[in-house]
Amino acid sequence: MAIIEEVKIDSEFITLGQFLKYVDLVSSGGEVREFLIENKITVNSEAENKRGKKLYRNDLVCINEKQYKIC
């Protein structure tokens, strides 16, 4: 069973680009586009590649088999 890392946010939502920086997968906004192209990302089991995708509490983000839950 995969371990799900919980990611706490203080706002209503966080964009996928902001999320990638928040969990230290990219160091700048300029790296987000390339990261989205090179990695398999799903949000609630649906493939996603838009940096502006809004992530809300209880969304499940999977990046290269690692899972994160927004809380």
Protein backbone atom coordinates (compact mmCIF):
# COMPACT_ATOMS: atom_id res chain seq x y z
CA MET A 1 0.00 0.00 0.00
CA ALA A 2 1.37 3.39 -1.01
CA ILE A 3 2.11 6.00 1.61
CA ILE A 4 0.15 9.20 1.06
CA GLU A 5 1.90 12.41 2.10
CA GLU A 6 -0.50 15.02 3.46
CA VAL A 7 0.08 18.58 2.25
CA LYS A 8 -1.61 21.28 4.31
CA ILE A 9 -2.71 24.49 2.59
CA ASP A 10 -4.02 27.66 4.24
CA SER A 11 -6.03 28.97 1.29
CA GLU A 12 -9.13 27.72 -0.55
CA PHE A 13 -6.97 26.18 -3.29
CA ILE A 14 -3.43 25.96 -4.64
CA THR A 15 -2.50 25.68 -8.32
CA LEU A 16 -0.60 22.67 -9.58
CA GLY A 17 2.41 24.90 -10.38
CA GLN A 18 2.41 26.34 -6.84
CA PHE A 19 2.01 22.84 -5.42
CA LEU A 20 5.09 21.56 -7.27
CA LYS A 21 7.15 24.40 -5.75
CA TYR A 22 5.56 23.88 -2.31
CA VAL A 23 6.62 20.22 -2.17
CA ASP A 24 10.10 21.05 -3.55
CA LEU A 25 9.78 19.19 -6.85
CA VAL A 26 10.76 22.34 -8.76
CA SER A 27 12.67 25.36 -7.51
CA SER A 28 11.08 28.01 -9.74
CA GLY A 29 7.99 28.67 -11.79
CA GLY A 30 10.07 28.44 -14.95
CA GLU A 31 10.76 24.76 -14.28
CA VAL A 32 7.08 23.83 -13.94
CA ARG A 33 6.29 23.51 -17.67
CA GLU A 34 9.18 21.12 -18.31
CA PHE A 35 8.36 19.11 -15.18
CA LEU A 36 4.75 18.70 -16.35
CA ILE A 37 5.93 17.42 -19.74
CA GLU A 38 8.49 14.97 -18.34
CA ASN A 39 6.48 13.45 -15.47
CA LYS A 40 3.26 11.47 -15.12
CA ILE A 41 0.84 13.47 -12.98
CA THR A 42 -2.75 12.68 -12.07
CA VAL A 43 -5.24 14.62 -9.98
CA ASN A 44 -8.03 12.45 -8.58
CA SER A 45 -6.98 9.68 -11.02
CA GLU A 46 -7.24 11.96 -14.10
CA ALA A 47 -4.14 12.83 -16.14
CA GLU A 48 -3.19 16.49 -15.65
CA ASN A 49 -0.62 18.75 -17.33
CA LYS A 50 -1.96 22.28 -16.73
CA ARG A 51 0.07 24.33 -14.27
CA GLY A 52 -2.98 26.43 -13.42
CA LYS A 53 -5.11 23.44 -12.38
CA LYS A 54 -6.67 24.33 -9.04
CA LEU A 55 -6.16 21.80 -6.26
CA TYR A 56 -8.62 21.82 -3.37
CA ARG A 57 -8.74 20.08 0.01
CA ASN A 58 -9.14 16.29 -0.29
CA ASP A 59 -7.74 16.22 -3.84
CA LEU A 60 -5.34 13.35 -4.43
CA VAL A 61 -2.28 14.18 -6.53
CA CYS A 62 -0.09 11.36 -7.84
CA ILE A 63 3.32 12.22 -9.30
CA ASN A 64 5.38 9.32 -10.64
CA GLU A 65 3.67 6.88 -8.23
CA LYS A 66 4.11 9.15 -5.17
CA GLN A 67 0.81 10.29 -3.70
CA TYR A 68 -0.10 13.55 -1.97
CA LYS A 69 -3.40 14.51 -0.35
CA ILE A 70 -4.32 18.18 -0.06
CA CYS A 71 -5.66 19.02 3.41
